[in-house]
Amino acid sequence: MLTKTKNGYGLGSYESIPGTPILDRKLSHKEAAVILYKVNRYTYEGAAEQMHCSEGNVNKIWQTIYFKLGVSGPNCSGLALLDLMRLGALKHLILCFIIFSTGLSGISSMSNDVMRPPRPSSARTRTRRQESDLRAIA
């Protein structure tokens, strides 16, 4: 069941914030609720039961979310959830707590890892079979 939070709605460890600007539109309350049900692995049927509406209504709400985000394709729900997190409309409360408690400097230091240099494309290794074939020819 959705709970009212300070900024919006919460379910599980996620919070969705209605009124968040998405390009030139804003996220509605129903869209925020549907997003929370999706991220908490509810089916359309389960979300519709919780929201007291039809599965078709839940599907239409998702279509408007996809339209607002400009997302289409085979994995549009995953892309939509990532975009919503990036835009700040969907927040994972545990991740937010970890980020704010460690500070941003703790996260940016991970990007300074030493990377392995790329292997030159001209270097080729031969297998034992190729070596034996070369000996047989010579």
C-alpha atoms as a PDB file:
ATOM      1  CA  MET A   1       0.000   0.000   0.000  1.00  0.00           C
ATOM      2  CA  LEU A   2       1.289   3.468  -0.869  1.00  0.00           C
ATOM      3  CA  THR A   3       2.240   5.746   1.966  1.00  0.00           C
ATOM      4  CA  LYS A   4       2.277   9.532   1.893  1.00  0.00           C
ATOM      5  CA  THR A   5       5.780  10.936   2.380  1.00  0.00           C
ATOM      6  CA  LYS A   6       7.092  14.449   2.820  1.00  0.00           C
ATOM      7  CA  ASN A   7       7.700  14.893  -0.929  1.00  0.00           C
ATOM      8  CA  GLY A   8       5.291  12.442  -2.535  1.00  0.00           C
ATOM      9  CA  TYR A   9       4.500   8.749  -2.199  1.00  0.00           C
ATOM     10  CA  GLY A  10       6.508   5.837  -0.904  1.00  0.00           C
ATOM     11  CA  LEU A  11       6.344   2.083  -1.383  1.00  0.00           C
ATOM     12  CA  GLY A  12       9.038  -0.300  -0.241  1.00  0.00           C
ATOM     13  CA  SER A  13      12.373   1.494  -0.386  1.00  0.00           C
ATOM     14  CA  TYR A  14      11.354   3.845  -3.210  1.00  0.00           C
ATOM     15  CA  GLU A  15       9.788   7.284  -3.259  1.00  0.00           C
ATOM     16  CA  SER A  16       8.079   8.898  -6.228  1.00  0.00           C
ATOM     17  CA  ILE A  17       7.525  12.633  -6.384  1.00  0.00           C
ATOM     18  CA  PRO A  18       4.512  13.977  -8.317  1.00  0.00           C
ATOM     19  CA  GLY A  19       4.934  17.374  -9.926  1.00  0.00           C
ATOM     20  CA  THR A  20       8.522  16.646 -10.974  1.00  0.00           C
ATOM     21  CA  PRO A  21       9.217  18.338 -14.318  1.00  0.00           C
ATOM     22  CA  ILE A  22       9.742  15.833 -17.126  1.00  0.00           C
ATOM     23  CA  LEU A  23      10.879  17.762 -20.184  1.00  0.00           C
ATOM     24  CA  ASP A  24       8.014  20.250 -20.656  1.00  0.00           C
ATOM     25  CA  ARG A  25       5.402  18.336 -18.603  1.00  0.00           C
ATOM     26  CA  LYS A  26       4.943  17.333 -14.967  1.00  0.00           C
ATOM     27  CA  LEU A  27       4.452  13.941 -13.351  1.00  0.00           C
ATOM     28  CA  SER A  28       0.880  13.404 -12.127  1.00  0.00           C
ATOM     29  CA  HIS A  29      -0.156  11.686  -8.890  1.00  0.00           C
ATOM     30  CA  LYS A  30      -1.499   8.619 -10.718  1.00  0.00           C
ATOM     31  CA  GLU A  31       1.701   8.331 -12.751  1.00  0.00           C
ATOM     32  CA  ALA A  32       3.786   8.536  -9.573  1.00  0.00           C
ATOM     33  CA  ALA A  33       1.709   5.723  -8.045  1.00  0.00           C
ATOM     34  CA  VAL A  34       1.986   3.499 -11.133  1.00  0.00           C
ATOM     35  CA  ILE A  35       5.760   4.008 -11.194  1.00  0.00           C
ATOM     36  CA  LEU A  36       6.058   2.874  -7.590  1.00  0.00           C
ATOM     37  CA  TYR A  37       4.016  -0.244  -8.249  1.00  0.00           C
ATOM     38  CA  LYS A  38       6.166  -1.077 -11.284  1.00  0.00           C
ATOM     39  CA  VAL A  39       9.482  -0.622  -9.506  1.00  0.00           C
ATOM     40  CA  ASN A  40       8.212  -2.830  -6.660  1.00  0.00           C
ATOM     41  CA  ARG A  41       7.438  -5.598  -9.185  1.00  0.00           C
ATOM     42  CA  TYR A  42       3.658  -5.370  -9.257  1.00  0.00           C
ATOM     43  CA  THR A  43       1.952  -6.603 -12.402  1.00  0.00           C
ATOM     44  CA  TYR A  44      -0.571  -4.421 -14.222  1.00  0.00           C
ATOM     45  CA  GLU A  45      -3.265  -6.524 -12.561  1.00  0.00           C
ATOM     46  CA  GLY A  46      -1.782  -6.014  -9.088  1.00  0.00           C
ATOM     47  CA  ALA A  47      -1.300  -2.294  -9.602  1.00  0.00           C
ATOM     48  CA  ALA A  48      -4.847  -1.945 -10.929  1.00  0.00           C
ATOM     49  CA  GLU A  49      -6.208  -3.782  -7.885  1.00  0.00           C
ATOM     50  CA  GLN A  50      -4.303  -1.496  -5.503  1.00  0.00           C
ATOM     51  CA  MET A  51      -5.389   1.645  -7.382  1.00  0.00           C
ATOM     52  CA  HIS A  52      -9.007   0.460  -7.787  1.00  0.00           C
ATOM     53  CA  CYS A  53      -8.992   0.833 -11.562  1.00  0.00           C
ATOM     54  CA  SER A  54      -8.683  -1.396 -14.639  1.00  0.00           C
ATOM     55  CA  GLU A  55      -5.536  -2.909 -16.136  1.00  0.00           C
ATOM     56  CA  GLY A  56      -6.221  -0.905 -19.278  1.00  0.00           C
ATOM     57  CA  ASN A  57      -6.105   2.283 -17.218  1.00  0.00           C
ATOM     58  CA  VAL A  58      -2.706   1.293 -15.785  1.00  0.00           C
ATOM     59  CA  ASN A  59      -1.496   0.546 -19.308  1.00  0.00           C
ATOM     60  CA  LYS A  60      -2.682   3.974 -20.543  1.00  0.00           C
ATOM     61  CA  ILE A  61      -0.911   5.696 -17.642  1.00  0.00           C
ATOM     62  CA  TRP A  62       2.320   3.917 -18.613  1.00  0.00           C
ATOM     63  CA  GLN A  63       1.837   5.013 -22.212  1.00  0.00           C
ATOM     64  CA  THR A  64       1.636   8.657 -21.085  1.00  0.00           C
ATOM     65  CA  ILE A  65       4.799   8.198 -19.002  1.00  0.00           C
ATOM     66  CA  TYR A  66       6.617   6.775 -22.044  1.00  0.00           C
ATOM     67  CA  PHE A  67       5.357   9.676 -24.145  1.00  0.00           C
ATOM     68  CA  LYS A  68       6.483  12.289 -21.607  1.00  0.00           C
ATOM     69  CA  LEU A  69       9.952  10.712 -21.431  1.00  0.00           C
ATOM     70  CA  GLY A  70      10.220  10.119 -25.171  1.00  0.00           C
ATOM     71  CA  VAL A  71      11.000   6.440 -24.603  1.00  0.00           C
ATOM     72  CA  SER A  72      10.081   3.644 -26.995  1.00  0.00           C
ATOM     73  CA  GLY A  73      11.332   0.196 -27.861  1.00  0.00           C
ATOM     74  CA  PRO A  74      11.430  -3.303 -26.439  1.00  0.00           C
ATOM     75  CA  ASN A  75      12.778  -2.337 -22.998  1.00  0.00           C
ATOM     76  CA  CYS A  76      10.977   0.968 -22.578  1.00  0.00           C
ATOM     77  CA  SER A  77       9.894   0.329 -18.972  1.00  0.00           C
ATOM     78  CA  GLY A  78      13.500  -0.162 -17.826  1.00  0.00           C
ATOM     79  CA  LEU A  79      14.638   2.913 -19.712  1.00  0.00           C
ATOM     80  CA  ALA A  80      11.739   4.897 -18.294  1.00  0.00           C
ATOM     81  CA  LEU A  81      12.633   3.932 -14.724  1.00  0.00           C
ATOM     82  CA  LEU A  82      16.262   4.923 -15.294  1.00  0.00           C
ATOM     83  CA  ASP A  83      15.207   8.259 -16.782  1.00  0.00           C
ATOM     84  CA  LEU A  84      12.842   8.887 -13.871  1.00  0.00           C
ATOM     85  CA  MET A  85      15.691   8.252 -11.410  1.00  0.00           C
ATOM     86  CA  ARG A  86      17.968  10.559 -13.388  1.00  0.00           C
ATOM     87  CA  LEU A  87      15.344  13.319 -13.424  1.00  0.00           C
ATOM     88  CA  GLY A  88      14.656  12.950  -9.693  1.00  0.00           C
ATOM     89  CA  ALA A  89      11.056  11.756 -10.020  1.00  0.00           C
ATOM     90  CA  LEU A  90      11.940   8.350  -8.553  1.00  0.00           C
ATOM     91  CA  LYS A  91      14.318   7.914  -5.651  1.00  0.00           C
ATOM     92  CA  HIS A  92      15.713   4.804  -4.042  1.00  0.00           C
ATOM     93  CA  LEU A  93      15.812   5.819  -0.399  1.00  0.00           C
ATOM     94  CA  ILE A  94      18.649   3.502   0.618  1.00  0.00           C
ATOM     95  CA  LEU A  95      20.892   4.729  -2.215  1.00  0.00           C
ATOM     96  CA  CYS A  96      20.105   8.352  -1.353  1.00  0.00           C
ATOM     97  CA  PHE A  97      21.021   7.699   2.274  1.00  0.00           C
ATOM     98  CA  ILE A  98      24.337   6.094   1.309  1.00  0.00           C
ATOM     99  CA  ILE A  99      25.235   8.872  -1.139  1.00  0.00           C
ATOM    100  CA  PHE A 100      24.446  11.672   1.295  1.00  0.00           C
ATOM    101  CA  SER A 101      26.107   9.962   4.262  1.00  0.00           C
ATOM    102  CA  THR A 102      29.375   9.273   2.397  1.00  0.00           C
ATOM    103  CA  GLY A 103      29.442  12.552   0.520  1.00  0.00           C
ATOM    104  CA  LEU A 104      29.967  12.939  -3.185  1.00  0.00           C
ATOM    105  CA  SER A 105      33.769  12.850  -2.882  1.00  0.00           C
ATOM    106  CA  GLY A 106      33.676   9.213  -1.780  1.00  0.00           C
ATOM    107  CA  ILE A 107      31.897   8.211  -4.958  1.00  0.00           C
ATOM    108  CA  SER A 108      33.972  10.259  -7.390  1.00  0.00           C
ATOM    109  CA  SER A 109      37.218   8.728  -6.128  1.00  0.00           C
ATOM    110  CA  MET A 110      36.190   5.383  -7.647  1.00  0.00           C
ATOM    111  CA  SER A 111      36.531   6.826 -11.138  1.00  0.00           C
ATOM    112  CA  ASN A 112      40.304   7.288 -10.665  1.00  0.00           C
ATOM    113  CA  ASP A 113      40.992   3.534 -10.755  1.00  0.00           C
ATOM    114  CA  VAL A 114      43.960   2.471 -12.841  1.00  0.00           C
ATOM    115  CA  MET A 115      42.713   0.918 -16.015  1.00  0.00           C
ATOM    116  CA  ARG A 116      44.420  -1.831 -17.918  1.00  0.00           C
ATOM    117  CA  PRO A 117      45.855  -0.465 -21.176  1.00  0.00           C
ATOM    118  CA  PRO A 118      44.189  -1.763 -24.324  1.00  0.00           C
ATOM    119  CA  ARG A 119      45.872  -4.582 -26.148  1.00  0.00           C
ATOM    120  CA  PRO A 120      47.432  -3.488 -29.442  1.00  0.00           C
ATOM    121  CA  SER A 121      45.393  -4.671 -32.391  1.00  0.00           C
ATOM    122  CA  SER A 122      48.519  -5.641 -34.362  1.00  0.00           C
ATOM    123  CA  ALA A 123      49.653  -8.201 -31.775  1.00  0.00           C
ATOM    124  CA  ARG A 124      48.274 -11.643 -32.540  1.00  0.00           C
ATOM    125  CA  THR A 125      48.873 -14.817 -30.661  1.00  0.00           C
ATOM    126  CA  ARG A 126      49.125 -18.146 -32.365  1.00  0.00           C
ATOM    127  CA  THR A 127      47.694 -21.331 -31.021  1.00  0.00           C
ATOM    128  CA  ARG A 128      49.673 -24.581 -30.857  1.00  0.00           C
ATOM    129  CA  ARG A 129      47.795 -25.870 -33.851  1.00  0.00           C
ATOM    130  CA  GLN A 130      48.752 -22.834 -35.929  1.00  0.00           C
ATOM    131  CA  GLU A 131      52.395 -23.242 -34.848  1.00  0.00           C
ATOM    132  CA  SER A 132      52.412 -26.895 -35.903  1.00  0.00           C
ATOM    133  CA  ASP A 133      50.810 -26.011 -39.252  1.00  0.00           C
ATOM    134  CA  LEU A 134      53.558 -23.432 -39.880  1.00  0.00           C
ATOM    135  CA  ARG A 135      56.260 -26.021 -39.060  1.00  0.00           C
ATOM    136  CA  ALA A 136      54.692 -28.541 -41.417  1.00  0.00           C
ATOM    137  CA  ILE A 137      54.714 -26.028 -44.269  1.00  0.00           C
ATOM    138  CA  ALA A 138      58.346 -25.073 -43.689  1.00  0.00           C
END
